[in-house]
């Protein structure tokens, strides 16, 4: 991304959100949702029959299920899942049935739980806050899928180094440490990384941190200082300068613009929160 170029306003928000938790050893018989559904397997194993396909899931898998297609959930023993179904704006998420291994430690798993809490505990069923959080979740899902697709084309050592950057973005990585993780000499690693990724490891780390910062800032309650620390910037003023350099606006201003645009475009905002 070029310096001083603002990130475009986020896409139109999902609508018609419903979320909840399932816990049983029994199956979930044939049913149809008008909207797309995401199912996170929290405990046990499932198989979901949908559109002539069988989508298996185990702990940490996030299952993507298309709208208006009959589905049957087969519980292989006791199962706990978190689910959310919603009207998905065109082009926001590929709706073909699949499972994505996100892991229970990933923010995507936490956001699924947060969506359930928002839906079950608030009079507005989460309102625009839930819609913004769901958009962040969908963006995270796309990022994980793109990373998995990219990994398959990379040298194994470079893939390991990239995984390290994404797993520990707050760490003060040195090129020599990444080269050791990749099992390559620093000179060979640096040249190979640049040729396959298109930028240096340090520039890549900065971009990974900025991606994380954007996701965390979508939480209206997140403090800029805490976001800075989570992204590897103990000096919040330095973080603000770096964020402004990448996005053309400071973190608080960027978030204000993004959330304002999202709430303006959310179909349920006026009837659920303003009235």
Protein backbone atom coordinates (compact mmCIF):
# COMPACT_ATOMS: atom_id res chain seq x y z
CA UNK A 1 0.00 0.00 0.00
CA UNK A 2 1.38 3.44 -0.87
CA UNK A 3 2.08 5.88 1.92
CA UNK A 4 -0.53 8.52 2.79
CA UNK A 5 -3.24 6.70 0.83
CA UNK A 6 -6.37 6.13 2.98
CA UNK A 7 -7.84 2.66 3.14
CA UNK A 8 -11.21 2.57 1.30
CA UNK A 9 -14.33 2.59 3.44
CA UNK A 10 -15.46 -0.89 4.38
CA UNK A 11 -18.04 -2.74 2.32
CA UNK A 12 -21.77 -2.68 2.96
CA UNK A 13 -22.58 -4.49 6.17
CA UNK A 14 -24.32 -7.86 6.57
CA UNK A 15 -27.95 -7.65 7.74
CA UNK A 16 -30.55 -9.93 9.27
CA UNK A 17 -28.07 -11.35 11.77
CA UNK A 18 -29.10 -14.23 14.03
CA UNK A 19 -26.62 -16.05 16.24
CA UNK A 20 -26.60 -18.69 18.93
CA UNK A 21 -25.02 -21.77 20.44
CA UNK A 22 -25.77 -25.46 19.91
CA UNK A 23 -24.85 -28.17 22.44
CA UNK A 24 -26.16 -31.74 22.06
CA UNK A 25 -25.28 -35.28 21.06
CA UNK A 26 -28.26 -35.39 18.71
CA UNK A 27 -28.39 -34.44 15.04
CA UNK A 28 -29.86 -31.21 13.72
CA UNK A 29 -32.47 -32.39 11.17
CA UNK A 30 -32.95 -31.02 7.69
CA UNK A 31 -33.53 -27.27 7.66
CA UNK A 32 -32.99 -24.22 5.45
CA UNK A 33 -31.69 -20.75 6.27
CA UNK A 34 -32.59 -17.76 4.13
CA UNK A 35 -29.13 -16.33 4.74
CA UNK A 36 -25.58 -17.67 4.66
CA UNK A 37 -24.43 -19.45 7.82
CA UNK A 38 -21.10 -19.71 9.64
CA UNK A 39 -20.67 -22.55 12.15
CA UNK A 40 -17.68 -22.77 14.51
CA UNK A 41 -17.05 -26.22 16.02
CA UNK A 42 -16.13 -25.63 19.67
CA UNK A 43 -16.26 -29.25 20.88
CA UNK A 44 -16.59 -32.63 19.18
CA UNK A 45 -16.99 -33.44 15.49
CA UNK A 46 -19.76 -32.83 12.98
CA UNK A 47 -20.62 -33.60 9.39
CA UNK A 48 -22.96 -31.23 7.58
CA UNK A 49 -24.73 -32.49 4.48
CA UNK A 50 -25.49 -29.57 2.18
CA UNK A 51 -26.08 -29.31 -1.56
CA UNK A 52 -24.93 -32.85 -2.24
CA UNK A 53 -21.66 -32.34 -0.33
CA UNK A 54 -20.51 -33.47 3.10
CA UNK A 55 -18.58 -30.80 5.03
CA UNK A 56 -16.74 -32.27 8.04
CA UNK A 57 -15.74 -30.17 11.01
CA UNK A 58 -13.68 -30.61 14.16
CA UNK A 59 -12.64 -28.26 16.95
CA UNK A 60 -11.49 -24.92 15.56
CA UNK A 61 -13.05 -25.36 12.12
CA UNK A 62 -15.28 -22.59 10.80
CA UNK A 63 -17.82 -24.01 8.35
CA UNK A 64 -19.26 -21.82 5.59
CA UNK A 65 -22.74 -22.85 4.44
CA UNK A 66 -24.72 -21.33 1.55
CA UNK A 67 -28.11 -19.65 1.84
CA UNK A 68 -31.39 -21.37 0.87
CA UNK A 69 -29.83 -24.84 0.53
CA UNK A 70 -31.20 -27.67 2.73
CA UNK A 71 -28.68 -28.89 5.30
CA UNK A 72 -28.47 -31.65 7.87
CA UNK A 73 -25.99 -31.62 10.77
CA UNK A 74 -24.80 -35.04 11.87
CA UNK A 75 -23.32 -34.90 15.39
CA UNK A 76 -20.58 -37.49 15.92
CA UNK A 77 -20.99 -37.68 19.68
CA UNK A 78 -21.49 -34.67 21.92
CA UNK A 79 -21.02 -31.42 19.96
CA UNK A 80 -20.89 -27.74 20.80
CA UNK A 81 -21.00 -25.11 18.08
CA UNK A 82 -21.43 -21.37 17.71
CA UNK A 83 -23.41 -20.25 14.70
CA UNK A 84 -24.43 -17.07 12.94
CA UNK A 85 -26.59 -16.68 9.84
CA UNK A 86 -27.09 -13.46 7.94
CA UNK A 87 -27.93 -11.78 4.67
CA UNK A 88 -24.59 -11.41 2.93
CA UNK A 89 -24.00 -8.47 0.55
CA UNK A 90 -23.09 -9.60 -2.96
CA UNK A 91 -19.39 -10.22 -3.36
CA UNK A 92 -18.54 -10.07 0.34
CA UNK A 93 -17.98 -13.81 0.86
CA UNK A 94 -17.80 -16.83 -1.44
CA UNK A 95 -20.78 -18.96 -0.41
CA UNK A 96 -19.63 -22.41 -1.55
CA UNK A 97 -19.81 -24.97 1.27
CA UNK A 98 -16.46 -25.56 2.94
CA UNK A 99 -14.59 -25.78 6.22
CA UNK A 100 -11.78 -23.39 7.14
CA UNK A 101 -9.39 -24.37 9.97
CA UNK A 102 -9.12 -21.15 11.95
CA UNK A 103 -8.20 -22.56 15.39
CA UNK A 104 -9.76 -21.69 18.72
CA UNK A 105 -6.93 -19.25 19.54
CA UNK A 106 -7.68 -17.08 16.51
CA UNK A 107 -9.66 -13.84 16.83
CA UNK A 108 -12.25 -15.34 14.47
CA UNK A 109 -13.23 -17.86 17.16
CA UNK A 110 -13.49 -15.14 19.80
CA UNK A 111 -15.60 -12.97 17.50
CA UNK A 112 -18.02 -15.85 16.90
CA UNK A 113 -18.53 -16.09 20.66
CA UNK A 114 -18.91 -12.30 20.91
CA UNK A 115 -21.57 -12.33 18.19
CA UNK A 116 -23.54 -14.94 20.13
CA UNK A 117 -23.34 -12.79 23.27
CA UNK A 118 -24.40 -9.65 21.41
CA UNK A 119 -27.37 -11.42 19.85
CA UNK A 120 -28.55 -13.17 22.99
CA UNK A 121 -28.09 -10.37 25.52
CA UNK A 122 -29.09 -7.09 23.85
CA UNK A 123 -32.51 -5.78 22.99
CA UNK A 124 -31.30 -4.69 19.56
CA UNK A 125 -29.77 -8.13 18.87
CA UNK A 126 -26.33 -6.51 18.67
CA UNK A 127 -27.38 -3.70 16.36
CA UNK A 128 -24.80 -2.10 14.14
CA UNK A 129 -22.04 -3.24 16.52
CA UNK A 130 -22.78 -6.87 15.65
CA UNK A 131 -22.86 -6.03 11.94
CA UNK A 132 -19.44 -4.36 12.12
CA UNK A 133 -18.03 -7.29 14.11
CA UNK A 134 -19.45 -9.78 11.60
CA UNK A 135 -17.87 -7.82 8.76
CA UNK A 136 -14.52 -8.00 10.56
CA UNK A 137 -15.03 -11.75 10.99
CA UNK A 138 -15.75 -12.23 7.29
CA UNK A 139 -12.67 -10.16 6.39
CA UNK A 140 -10.59 -12.31 8.74
CA UNK A 141 -11.95 -15.48 7.17
CA UNK A 142 -10.99 -14.24 3.72
CA UNK A 143 -7.53 -13.33 4.95
CA UNK A 144 -6.99 -16.81 6.41
CA UNK A 145 -8.15 -18.48 3.21
CA UNK A 146 -5.88 -16.31 1.07
CA UNK A 147 -2.95 -17.07 3.35
CA UNK A 148 -3.61 -20.80 3.14
CA UNK A 149 -3.79 -20.62 -0.66
CA UNK A 150 -0.57 -18.61 -0.83
CA UNK A 151 1.27 -20.94 1.52
CA UNK A 152 0.81 -23.86 -0.89
CA UNK A 153 2.83 -22.00 -3.55
CA UNK A 154 5.73 -20.96 -1.32
CA UNK A 155 9.07 -22.50 -0.39
CA UNK A 156 8.40 -24.36 2.92
CA UNK A 157 10.88 -22.19 4.80
CA UNK A 158 9.29 -18.97 3.59
CA UNK A 159 5.86 -20.34 4.54
CA UNK A 160 7.15 -21.04 8.07
CA UNK A 161 8.53 -17.52 8.36
CA UNK A 162 5.24 -16.00 7.21
CA UNK A 163 3.36 -18.13 9.73
CA UNK A 164 5.68 -16.82 12.41
CA UNK A 165 4.98 -13.21 11.49
CA UNK A 166 1.22 -13.78 11.53
CA UNK A 167 1.24 -15.78 14.77
CA UNK A 168 3.41 -13.28 16.65
CA UNK A 169 3.05 -9.87 15.01
CA UNK A 170 4.00 -8.06 18.25
CA UNK A 171 7.39 -9.78 18.44
CA UNK A 172 10.45 -7.71 17.53
CA UNK A 173 11.48 -10.06 14.75
CA UNK A 174 14.99 -9.88 13.30
CA UNK A 175 15.81 -11.21 9.84
CA UNK A 176 18.28 -13.68 11.38
CA UNK A 177 15.52 -15.12 13.61
CA UNK A 178 13.18 -15.57 10.67
CA UNK A 179 15.95 -17.16 8.61
CA UNK A 180 16.60 -19.63 11.44
CA UNK A 181 12.90 -20.43 11.60
CA UNK A 182 12.95 -21.03 7.84
CA UNK A 183 16.06 -23.21 8.06
CA UNK A 184 17.97 -20.96 5.64
CA UNK A 185 20.99 -18.69 5.80
CA UNK A 186 20.09 -15.00 6.35
CA UNK A 187 21.32 -13.98 2.89
CA UNK A 188 19.51 -16.79 1.10
CA UNK A 189 16.39 -16.22 3.18
CA UNK A 190 16.29 -12.47 2.48
CA UNK A 191 16.66 -12.92 -1.28
CA UNK A 192 14.15 -15.79 -1.46
CA UNK A 193 11.61 -13.98 0.73
CA UNK A 194 11.78 -10.85 -1.43
CA UNK A 195 11.45 -12.84 -4.65
CA UNK A 196 8.44 -14.87 -3.46
CA UNK A 197 6.62 -12.26 -1.34
CA UNK A 198 7.59 -9.14 -3.27
CA UNK A 199 8.89 -7.19 -0.28
CA UNK A 200 11.40 -7.54 2.54
CA UNK A 201 10.58 -9.39 5.79
CA UNK A 202 10.63 -6.13 7.77
CA UNK A 203 8.23 -4.39 5.38
CA UNK A 204 6.01 -7.49 5.45
CA UNK A 205 5.99 -7.40 9.27
CA UNK A 206 4.88 -3.76 9.22
CA UNK A 207 2.02 -4.64 6.85
CA UNK A 208 0.96 -7.59 9.02
CA UNK A 209 0.89 -5.25 12.02
CA UNK A 210 -1.19 -2.68 10.16
CA UNK A 211 -3.68 -5.37 9.08
CA UNK A 212 -4.01 -6.43 12.72
CA UNK A 213 -4.40 -2.81 13.83
CA UNK A 214 -7.27 -2.25 11.39
CA UNK A 215 -9.08 -5.35 12.65
CA UNK A 216 -8.63 -4.40 16.31
CA UNK A 217 -9.71 -0.81 15.73
CA UNK A 218 -13.07 -1.99 14.43
CA UNK A 219 -13.92 -2.73 18.07
CA UNK A 220 -15.40 0.60 19.21
CA UNK A 221 -14.25 -0.08 22.79
CA UNK A 222 -10.60 -0.86 21.97
CA UNK A 223 -8.16 1.75 23.26
CA UNK A 224 -5.53 2.95 20.81
CA UNK A 225 -2.78 2.30 23.37
CA UNK A 226 -3.90 -1.32 23.77
CA UNK A 227 -4.10 -1.79 20.00
CA UNK A 228 -0.58 -0.38 19.66
CA UNK A 229 0.77 -2.83 22.24
CA UNK A 230 -1.00 -5.78 20.59
CA UNK A 231 0.64 -4.83 17.28
CA UNK A 232 4.16 -4.60 18.70
CA UNK A 233 4.38 -0.84 19.31
CA UNK A 234 5.05 -0.10 23.02
CA UNK A 235 5.33 3.60 22.13
CA UNK A 236 1.78 4.65 21.24
CA UNK A 237 2.97 7.90 19.64
CA UNK A 238 5.24 5.96 17.27
CA UNK A 239 2.32 3.66 16.44
CA UNK A 240 0.10 6.65 15.64
CA UNK A 241 2.77 8.06 13.30
CA UNK A 242 3.20 4.71 11.56
CA UNK A 243 -0.53 4.22 11.19
CA UNK A 244 -0.95 7.71 9.75
CA UNK A 245 1.90 7.06 7.31
CA UNK A 246 0.19 3.89 6.02
CA UNK A 247 -3.41 5.10 6.06
CA UNK A 248 -3.37 8.88 5.79
CA UNK A 249 -5.20 9.30 9.11
CA UNK A 250 -4.49 8.59 12.80
CA UNK A 251 -6.02 5.43 14.33
CA UNK A 252 -8.88 7.22 16.13
CA UNK A 253 -9.79 9.24 13.04
CA UNK A 254 -9.62 6.19 10.77
CA UNK A 255 -11.88 4.22 13.09
CA UNK A 256 -14.38 7.06 13.42
CA UNK A 257 -14.66 7.35 9.63
CA UNK A 258 -14.98 3.60 9.12
CA UNK A 259 -17.62 3.03 11.79
CA UNK A 260 -19.60 6.09 10.72
CA UNK A 261 -19.68 4.84 7.13
CA UNK A 262 -20.65 1.34 8.23
CA UNK A 263 -23.49 2.54 10.42
CA UNK A 264 -24.73 4.84 7.69
CA UNK A 265 -24.85 1.95 5.24
CA UNK A 266 -26.24 -0.67 7.65
CA UNK A 267 -29.88 -1.33 6.68
CA UNK A 268 -31.02 -1.87 10.29
CA UNK A 269 -29.22 1.02 11.97
CA UNK A 270 -32.06 3.53 12.00
CA UNK A 271 -34.73 1.14 13.18
CA UNK A 272 -32.61 -0.74 15.73
CA UNK A 273 -30.45 1.95 17.32
CA UNK A 274 -31.77 5.37 16.48
CA UNK A 275 -35.43 4.80 17.22
